[in-house]
């Protein structure tokens, strides 16, 4: 893998996806400027600051490392999601290595958010699976990644095209996911971004119907 990266860098010299400066695909300066999530994220409403919670989200815990409004982190996620720039792996790993290790049981099973078959073919890979792999490498975790548990049944319009109203998004995504077999009791759902939590919440509902007792959520970023 290291040889392939060096050959790629020789043929296509790296330019930072965030600032455009040469030298790295996601440079240390941009990684160091990211607006990090400093407090605990409420697993019921995704609020970070002190609040009176009236949330209904079904996660046990939620872990995100930065905010999606940060242009440096958003640039990375955009390149991963829409351009498939997996050469960013080492730089993403360098960023994650400096963050707090998620408090996840080694027996929990990592389940990347599935893509519809059509969208998977268009993109060529699932960015959530990529994120799961980097998380395990960066934090030296022993958790298994399960790619055969869930499938996305329909290719509806992306949630990002909708209003941020939770009810609208929840209704739009209902019935889209299906569990193909019984779920492990403890699942860690992995995605690139969580906004309202409607999509991930629907996945949790499906997983619990399939036998999950606890579902944690880990994403690179939180917010719109």
C-alpha atoms as a PDB file:
ATOM      1  CA  UNK A   1       0.000   0.000   0.000  1.00  0.00           C
ATOM      2  CA  UNK A   2       2.835   2.417   0.882  1.00  0.00           C
ATOM      3  CA  UNK A   3       4.482   1.778  -2.520  1.00  0.00           C
ATOM      4  CA  UNK A   4       1.197   2.448  -4.315  1.00  0.00           C
ATOM      5  CA  UNK A   5       0.776   5.744  -2.442  1.00  0.00           C
ATOM      6  CA  UNK A   6       4.311   6.846  -3.321  1.00  0.00           C
ATOM      7  CA  UNK A   7       3.761   5.995  -6.990  1.00  0.00           C
ATOM      8  CA  UNK A   8       0.434   7.870  -6.987  1.00  0.00           C
ATOM      9  CA  UNK A   9       2.106  10.904  -5.394  1.00  0.00           C
ATOM     10  CA  UNK A  10       4.848  10.781  -8.027  1.00  0.00           C
ATOM     11  CA  UNK A  11       2.376  10.699 -10.923  1.00  0.00           C
ATOM     12  CA  UNK A  12      -0.159  13.045  -9.329  1.00  0.00           C
ATOM     13  CA  UNK A  13       1.605  15.338  -6.826  1.00  0.00           C
ATOM     14  CA  UNK A  14      -0.680  15.887  -3.819  1.00  0.00           C
ATOM     15  CA  UNK A  15      -2.534  19.134  -3.285  1.00  0.00           C
ATOM     16  CA  UNK A  16      -4.585  19.623  -0.125  1.00  0.00           C
ATOM     17  CA  UNK A  17      -8.309  19.103  -0.767  1.00  0.00           C
ATOM     18  CA  UNK A  18      -9.112  21.942   1.653  1.00  0.00           C
ATOM     19  CA  UNK A  19      -6.606  24.730   0.949  1.00  0.00           C
ATOM     20  CA  UNK A  20      -5.023  23.618  -2.338  1.00  0.00           C
ATOM     21  CA  UNK A  21      -1.440  23.880  -1.096  1.00  0.00           C
ATOM     22  CA  UNK A  22       0.986  21.234  -2.392  1.00  0.00           C
ATOM     23  CA  UNK A  23       2.559  18.489  -0.285  1.00  0.00           C
ATOM     24  CA  UNK A  24      -0.306  16.502   1.270  1.00  0.00           C
ATOM     25  CA  UNK A  25      -3.782  15.416   0.188  1.00  0.00           C
ATOM     26  CA  UNK A  26      -5.196  16.852   3.422  1.00  0.00           C
ATOM     27  CA  UNK A  27      -2.510  18.984   4.991  1.00  0.00           C
ATOM     28  CA  UNK A  28      -1.538  19.221   8.642  1.00  0.00           C
ATOM     29  CA  UNK A  29      -2.441  22.916   8.801  1.00  0.00           C
ATOM     30  CA  UNK A  30      -6.024  22.258   7.705  1.00  0.00           C
ATOM     31  CA  UNK A  31      -6.332  19.239   9.998  1.00  0.00           C
ATOM     32  CA  UNK A  32      -5.159  21.401  12.884  1.00  0.00           C
ATOM     33  CA  UNK A  33      -7.777  24.100  12.244  1.00  0.00           C
ATOM     34  CA  UNK A  34     -10.829  21.838  12.415  1.00  0.00           C
ATOM     35  CA  UNK A  35     -13.611  22.894  14.774  1.00  0.00           C
ATOM     36  CA  UNK A  36     -13.585  19.862  17.061  1.00  0.00           C
ATOM     37  CA  UNK A  37     -16.452  18.535  19.141  1.00  0.00           C
ATOM     38  CA  UNK A  38     -15.237  19.198  22.669  1.00  0.00           C
ATOM     39  CA  UNK A  39     -18.179  18.073  24.792  1.00  0.00           C
ATOM     40  CA  UNK A  40     -20.365  15.004  25.032  1.00  0.00           C
ATOM     41  CA  UNK A  41     -23.034  14.686  22.372  1.00  0.00           C
ATOM     42  CA  UNK A  42     -26.535  13.986  23.661  1.00  0.00           C
ATOM     43  CA  UNK A  43     -27.585  10.656  22.178  1.00  0.00           C
ATOM     44  CA  UNK A  44     -31.262  11.640  22.201  1.00  0.00           C
ATOM     45  CA  UNK A  45     -31.138  15.027  20.449  1.00  0.00           C
ATOM     46  CA  UNK A  46     -27.517  15.508  19.249  1.00  0.00           C
ATOM     47  CA  UNK A  47     -27.022  18.673  21.330  1.00  0.00           C
ATOM     48  CA  UNK A  48     -23.513  19.287  22.675  1.00  0.00           C
ATOM     49  CA  UNK A  49     -24.129  22.154  25.117  1.00  0.00           C
ATOM     50  CA  UNK A  50     -26.139  21.947  28.323  1.00  0.00           C
ATOM     51  CA  UNK A  51     -29.838  21.682  27.542  1.00  0.00           C
ATOM     52  CA  UNK A  52     -33.197  20.322  28.586  1.00  0.00           C
ATOM     53  CA  UNK A  53     -33.524  17.299  26.342  1.00  0.00           C
ATOM     54  CA  UNK A  54     -36.792  16.416  24.652  1.00  0.00           C
ATOM     55  CA  UNK A  55     -35.123  14.230  22.039  1.00  0.00           C
ATOM     56  CA  UNK A  56     -36.295  10.837  20.847  1.00  0.00           C
ATOM     57  CA  UNK A  57     -33.253   9.462  19.039  1.00  0.00           C
ATOM     58  CA  UNK A  58     -32.522   5.792  19.842  1.00  0.00           C
ATOM     59  CA  UNK A  59     -28.722   5.799  20.082  1.00  0.00           C
ATOM     60  CA  UNK A  60     -26.923   4.654  23.218  1.00  0.00           C
ATOM     61  CA  UNK A  61     -24.018   7.030  22.576  1.00  0.00           C
ATOM     62  CA  UNK A  62     -23.001   9.353  19.740  1.00  0.00           C
ATOM     63  CA  UNK A  63     -19.386  10.173  18.874  1.00  0.00           C
ATOM     64  CA  UNK A  64     -18.387  12.755  16.265  1.00  0.00           C
ATOM     65  CA  UNK A  65     -14.982  14.366  15.943  1.00  0.00           C
ATOM     66  CA  UNK A  66     -15.754  17.688  14.246  1.00  0.00           C
ATOM     67  CA  UNK A  67     -18.493  19.903  12.883  1.00  0.00           C
ATOM     68  CA  UNK A  68     -19.610  19.650   9.281  1.00  0.00           C
ATOM     69  CA  UNK A  69     -19.777  23.444   8.963  1.00  0.00           C
ATOM     70  CA  UNK A  70     -15.978  23.489   9.209  1.00  0.00           C
ATOM     71  CA  UNK A  71     -14.740  23.896   5.611  1.00  0.00           C
ATOM     72  CA  UNK A  72     -11.593  21.850   6.222  1.00  0.00           C
ATOM     73  CA  UNK A  73     -13.494  18.777   7.440  1.00  0.00           C
ATOM     74  CA  UNK A  74     -16.307  19.246   4.943  1.00  0.00           C
ATOM     75  CA  UNK A  75     -13.771  19.300   2.083  1.00  0.00           C
ATOM     76  CA  UNK A  76     -12.421  15.921   3.165  1.00  0.00           C
ATOM     77  CA  UNK A  77     -15.878  14.356   3.486  1.00  0.00           C
ATOM     78  CA  UNK A  78     -17.000  15.769   0.137  1.00  0.00           C
ATOM     79  CA  UNK A  79     -13.957  14.339  -1.629  1.00  0.00           C
ATOM     80  CA  UNK A  80     -14.554  10.960  -0.033  1.00  0.00           C
ATOM     81  CA  UNK A  81     -18.278  10.849  -0.715  1.00  0.00           C
ATOM     82  CA  UNK A  82     -18.479  12.245  -4.227  1.00  0.00           C
ATOM     83  CA  UNK A  83     -15.004  11.764  -5.666  1.00  0.00           C
ATOM     84  CA  UNK A  84     -13.892   8.564  -3.976  1.00  0.00           C
ATOM     85  CA  UNK A  85     -10.490   9.973  -3.067  1.00  0.00           C
ATOM     86  CA  UNK A  86      -9.393   7.107  -0.828  1.00  0.00           C
ATOM     87  CA  UNK A  87      -5.775   8.272  -1.109  1.00  0.00           C
ATOM     88  CA  UNK A  88      -6.765  10.528   1.816  1.00  0.00           C
ATOM     89  CA  UNK A  89      -6.647   7.524   4.152  1.00  0.00           C
ATOM     90  CA  UNK A  90      -3.277   8.231   5.768  1.00  0.00           C
ATOM     91  CA  UNK A  91      -4.127  11.906   6.392  1.00  0.00           C
ATOM     92  CA  UNK A  92      -7.518  11.022   7.881  1.00  0.00           C
ATOM     93  CA  UNK A  93      -5.817   8.437  10.061  1.00  0.00           C
ATOM     94  CA  UNK A  94      -3.313  11.079  11.236  1.00  0.00           C
ATOM     95  CA  UNK A  95      -6.199  13.342  12.225  1.00  0.00           C
ATOM     96  CA  UNK A  96      -8.083  10.607  14.101  1.00  0.00           C
ATOM     97  CA  UNK A  97      -4.985   9.404  15.950  1.00  0.00           C
ATOM     98  CA  UNK A  98      -4.937  12.739  17.803  1.00  0.00           C
ATOM     99  CA  UNK A  99      -8.566  12.466  18.923  1.00  0.00           C
ATOM    100  CA  UNK A 100     -10.010  10.775  21.994  1.00  0.00           C
ATOM    101  CA  UNK A 101     -10.462   7.034  21.511  1.00  0.00           C
ATOM    102  CA  UNK A 102     -14.190   6.148  21.383  1.00  0.00           C
ATOM    103  CA  UNK A 103     -15.298   4.144  24.420  1.00  0.00           C
ATOM    104  CA  UNK A 104     -16.492   1.102  22.497  1.00  0.00           C
ATOM    105  CA  UNK A 105     -16.580  -2.496  23.709  1.00  0.00           C
ATOM    106  CA  UNK A 106     -14.269  -4.770  21.672  1.00  0.00           C
ATOM    107  CA  UNK A 107     -17.211  -7.140  21.249  1.00  0.00           C
ATOM    108  CA  UNK A 108     -19.351  -4.559  19.441  1.00  0.00           C
ATOM    109  CA  UNK A 109     -19.801  -5.060  15.692  1.00  0.00           C
ATOM    110  CA  UNK A 110     -19.157  -2.119  13.348  1.00  0.00           C
ATOM    111  CA  UNK A 111     -21.868  -1.705  10.709  1.00  0.00           C
ATOM    112  CA  UNK A 112     -21.266   0.960   8.038  1.00  0.00           C
ATOM    113  CA  UNK A 113     -24.340   2.838   6.812  1.00  0.00           C
ATOM    114  CA  UNK A 114     -25.310   0.987   3.603  1.00  0.00           C
ATOM    115  CA  UNK A 115     -25.727   2.648   0.222  1.00  0.00           C
ATOM    116  CA  UNK A 116     -28.356   1.767  -2.361  1.00  0.00           C
ATOM    117  CA  UNK A 117     -26.943  -0.500  -5.060  1.00  0.00           C
ATOM    118  CA  UNK A 118     -27.297   2.163  -7.752  1.00  0.00           C
ATOM    119  CA  UNK A 119     -25.469   4.803  -5.713  1.00  0.00           C
ATOM    120  CA  UNK A 120     -22.780   2.312  -4.727  1.00  0.00           C
ATOM    121  CA  UNK A 121     -22.136   1.600  -8.408  1.00  0.00           C
ATOM    122  CA  UNK A 122     -22.024   5.328  -9.186  1.00  0.00           C
ATOM    123  CA  UNK A 123     -19.496   6.086  -6.449  1.00  0.00           C
ATOM    124  CA  UNK A 124     -17.519   2.860  -6.663  1.00  0.00           C
ATOM    125  CA  UNK A 125     -17.260   2.451  -2.893  1.00  0.00           C
ATOM    126  CA  UNK A 126     -19.109   3.104   0.358  1.00  0.00           C
ATOM    127  CA  UNK A 127     -17.544   5.993   2.265  1.00  0.00           C
ATOM    128  CA  UNK A 128     -18.998   4.710   5.567  1.00  0.00           C
ATOM    129  CA  UNK A 129     -17.143   1.411   5.106  1.00  0.00           C
ATOM    130  CA  UNK A 130     -13.971   3.400   4.419  1.00  0.00           C
ATOM    131  CA  UNK A 131     -14.501   5.432   7.608  1.00  0.00           C
ATOM    132  CA  UNK A 132     -15.019   2.232   9.630  1.00  0.00           C
ATOM    133  CA  UNK A 133     -11.739   0.802   8.348  1.00  0.00           C
ATOM    134  CA  UNK A 134      -9.809   3.978   9.169  1.00  0.00           C
ATOM    135  CA  UNK A 135     -11.336   4.175  12.660  1.00  0.00           C
ATOM    136  CA  UNK A 136     -10.213   0.643  13.441  1.00  0.00           C
ATOM    137  CA  UNK A 137      -6.689   1.328  12.176  1.00  0.00           C
ATOM    138  CA  UNK A 138      -6.333   4.745  13.828  1.00  0.00           C
ATOM    139  CA  UNK A 139      -7.453   3.579  17.276  1.00  0.00           C
ATOM    140  CA  UNK A 140      -6.073   0.022  17.002  1.00  0.00           C
ATOM    141  CA  UNK A 141      -9.520  -1.461  17.627  1.00  0.00           C
ATOM    142  CA  UNK A 142     -10.316  -5.169  17.387  1.00  0.00           C
ATOM    143  CA  UNK A 143     -13.956  -4.772  16.339  1.00  0.00           C
ATOM    144  CA  UNK A 144     -15.332  -6.718  13.392  1.00  0.00           C
ATOM    145  CA  UNK A 145     -16.890  -4.892  10.421  1.00  0.00           C
ATOM    146  CA  UNK A 146     -20.111  -6.501   9.177  1.00  0.00           C
ATOM    147  CA  UNK A 147     -21.123  -5.622   5.615  1.00  0.00           C
ATOM    148  CA  UNK A 148     -23.809  -8.281   5.235  1.00  0.00           C
ATOM    149  CA  UNK A 149     -26.280  -7.277   7.929  1.00  0.00           C
ATOM    150  CA  UNK A 150     -28.131  -4.375   6.284  1.00  0.00           C
ATOM    151  CA  UNK A 151     -29.261  -3.378   2.837  1.00  0.00           C
ATOM    152  CA  UNK A 152     -30.819  -0.219   1.513  1.00  0.00           C
ATOM    153  CA  UNK A 153     -33.943  -1.088  -0.405  1.00  0.00           C
ATOM    154  CA  UNK A 154     -34.605   2.113  -2.333  1.00  0.00           C
ATOM    155  CA  UNK A 155     -32.613   4.910  -3.895  1.00  0.00           C
ATOM    156  CA  UNK A 156     -34.671   7.876  -2.739  1.00  0.00           C
ATOM    157  CA  UNK A 157     -33.477  11.456  -3.038  1.00  0.00           C
ATOM    158  CA  UNK A 158     -30.639  12.167  -0.577  1.00  0.00           C
ATOM    159  CA  UNK A 159     -31.667  13.430   2.845  1.00  0.00           C
ATOM    160  CA  UNK A 160     -29.354  16.411   2.242  1.00  0.00           C
ATOM    161  CA  UNK A 161     -31.805  17.630  -0.403  1.00  0.00           C
ATOM    162  CA  UNK A 162     -34.567  17.990   2.214  1.00  0.00           C
ATOM    163  CA  UNK A 163     -35.385  20.466   4.960  1.00  0.00           C
ATOM    164  CA  UNK A 164     -33.633  19.799   8.277  1.00  0.00           C
ATOM    165  CA  UNK A 165     -36.969  19.071   9.937  1.00  0.00           C
ATOM    166  CA  UNK A 166     -36.589  15.713  11.720  1.00  0.00           C
ATOM    167  CA  UNK A 167     -40.162  14.624  11.033  1.00  0.00           C
ATOM    168  CA  UNK A 168     -39.856  15.259   7.293  1.00  0.00           C
ATOM    169  CA  UNK A 169     -36.600  13.354   7.057  1.00  0.00           C
ATOM    170  CA  UNK A 170     -37.842  10.474   9.213  1.00  0.00           C
ATOM    171  CA  UNK A 171     -40.921  10.061   7.046  1.00  0.00           C
ATOM    172  CA  UNK A 172     -38.844  10.217   3.875  1.00  0.00           C
ATOM    173  CA  UNK A 173     -36.475   7.457   4.970  1.00  0.00           C
ATOM    174  CA  UNK A 174     -38.949   5.083   6.664  1.00  0.00           C
ATOM    175  CA  UNK A 175     -38.952   1.571   5.213  1.00  0.00           C
ATOM    176  CA  UNK A 176     -35.797   2.089   3.154  1.00  0.00           C
ATOM    177  CA  UNK A 177     -33.550  -0.273   5.140  1.00  0.00           C
ATOM    178  CA  UNK A 178     -33.838  -4.005   5.751  1.00  0.00           C
ATOM    179  CA  UNK A 179     -31.922  -6.412   7.987  1.00  0.00           C
ATOM    180  CA  UNK A 180     -30.870  -9.471   5.999  1.00  0.00           C
ATOM    181  CA  UNK A 181     -30.263 -11.574   9.113  1.00  0.00           C
ATOM    182  CA  UNK A 182     -30.327 -11.443  12.898  1.00  0.00           C
ATOM    183  CA  UNK A 183     -28.394  -8.544  14.376  1.00  0.00           C
ATOM    184  CA  UNK A 184     -25.622  -8.805  16.982  1.00  0.00           C
ATOM    185  CA  UNK A 185     -26.734  -7.469  20.351  1.00  0.00           C
ATOM    186  CA  UNK A 186     -24.242  -4.579  20.310  1.00  0.00           C
ATOM    187  CA  UNK A 187     -23.806  -2.637  17.072  1.00  0.00           C
ATOM    188  CA  UNK A 188     -21.783   0.486  16.302  1.00  0.00           C
ATOM    189  CA  UNK A 189     -23.278   2.253  13.298  1.00  0.00           C
ATOM    190  CA  UNK A 190     -20.671   4.137  11.241  1.00  0.00           C
ATOM    191  CA  UNK A 191     -21.312   7.065   8.876  1.00  0.00           C
ATOM    192  CA  UNK A 192     -19.536  10.152   7.601  1.00  0.00           C
ATOM    193  CA  UNK A 193     -21.995  12.800   8.858  1.00  0.00           C
ATOM    194  CA  UNK A 194     -25.029  12.942  11.135  1.00  0.00           C
ATOM    195  CA  UNK A 195     -27.385  15.925  10.877  1.00  0.00           C
ATOM    196  CA  UNK A 196     -30.864  15.359  12.343  1.00  0.00           C
ATOM    197  CA  UNK A 197     -30.254  11.675  13.073  1.00  0.00           C
ATOM    198  CA  UNK A 198     -33.334  10.614  11.110  1.00  0.00           C
ATOM    199  CA  UNK A 199     -31.544   8.220   8.740  1.00  0.00           C
ATOM    200  CA  UNK A 200     -29.371   6.651  11.423  1.00  0.00           C
ATOM    201  CA  UNK A 201     -32.394   6.456  13.717  1.00  0.00           C
ATOM    202  CA  UNK A 202     -34.330   4.480  11.113  1.00  0.00           C
ATOM    203  CA  UNK A 203     -31.398   2.080  10.823  1.00  0.00           C
ATOM    204  CA  UNK A 204     -31.396   1.616  14.605  1.00  0.00           C
ATOM    205  CA  UNK A 205     -35.106   0.784  14.513  1.00  0.00           C
ATOM    206  CA  UNK A 206     -34.447  -1.902  11.913  1.00  0.00           C
ATOM    207  CA  UNK A 207     -31.468  -3.287  13.837  1.00  0.00           C
ATOM    208  CA  UNK A 208     -33.440  -3.520  17.065  1.00  0.00           C
ATOM    209  CA  UNK A 209     -36.257  -5.334  15.318  1.00  0.00           C
ATOM    210  CA  UNK A 210     -33.576  -7.760  14.135  1.00  0.00           C
ATOM    211  CA  UNK A 211     -32.274  -8.356  17.653  1.00  0.00           C
ATOM    212  CA  UNK A 212     -29.885  -5.513  18.560  1.00  0.00           C
ATOM    213  CA  UNK A 213     -30.019  -4.421  22.193  1.00  0.00           C
ATOM    214  CA  UNK A 214     -27.667  -1.457  21.953  1.00  0.00           C
ATOM    215  CA  UNK A 215     -26.605   0.737  19.019  1.00  0.00           C
ATOM    216  CA  UNK A 216     -23.921   3.399  19.262  1.00  0.00           C
ATOM    217  CA  UNK A 217     -23.231   5.893  16.472  1.00  0.00           C
ATOM    218  CA  UNK A 218     -19.827   7.134  15.291  1.00  0.00           C
ATOM    219  CA  UNK A 219     -19.425   9.725  12.538  1.00  0.00           C
ATOM    220  CA  UNK A 220     -16.624  11.963  11.352  1.00  0.00           C
ATOM    221  CA  UNK A 221     -18.802  15.079  11.614  1.00  0.00           C
ATOM    222  CA  UNK A 222     -22.004  16.344  13.147  1.00  0.00           C
ATOM    223  CA  UNK A 223     -24.350  19.066  11.930  1.00  0.00           C
ATOM    224  CA  UNK A 224     -25.323  20.549   8.585  1.00  0.00           C
END
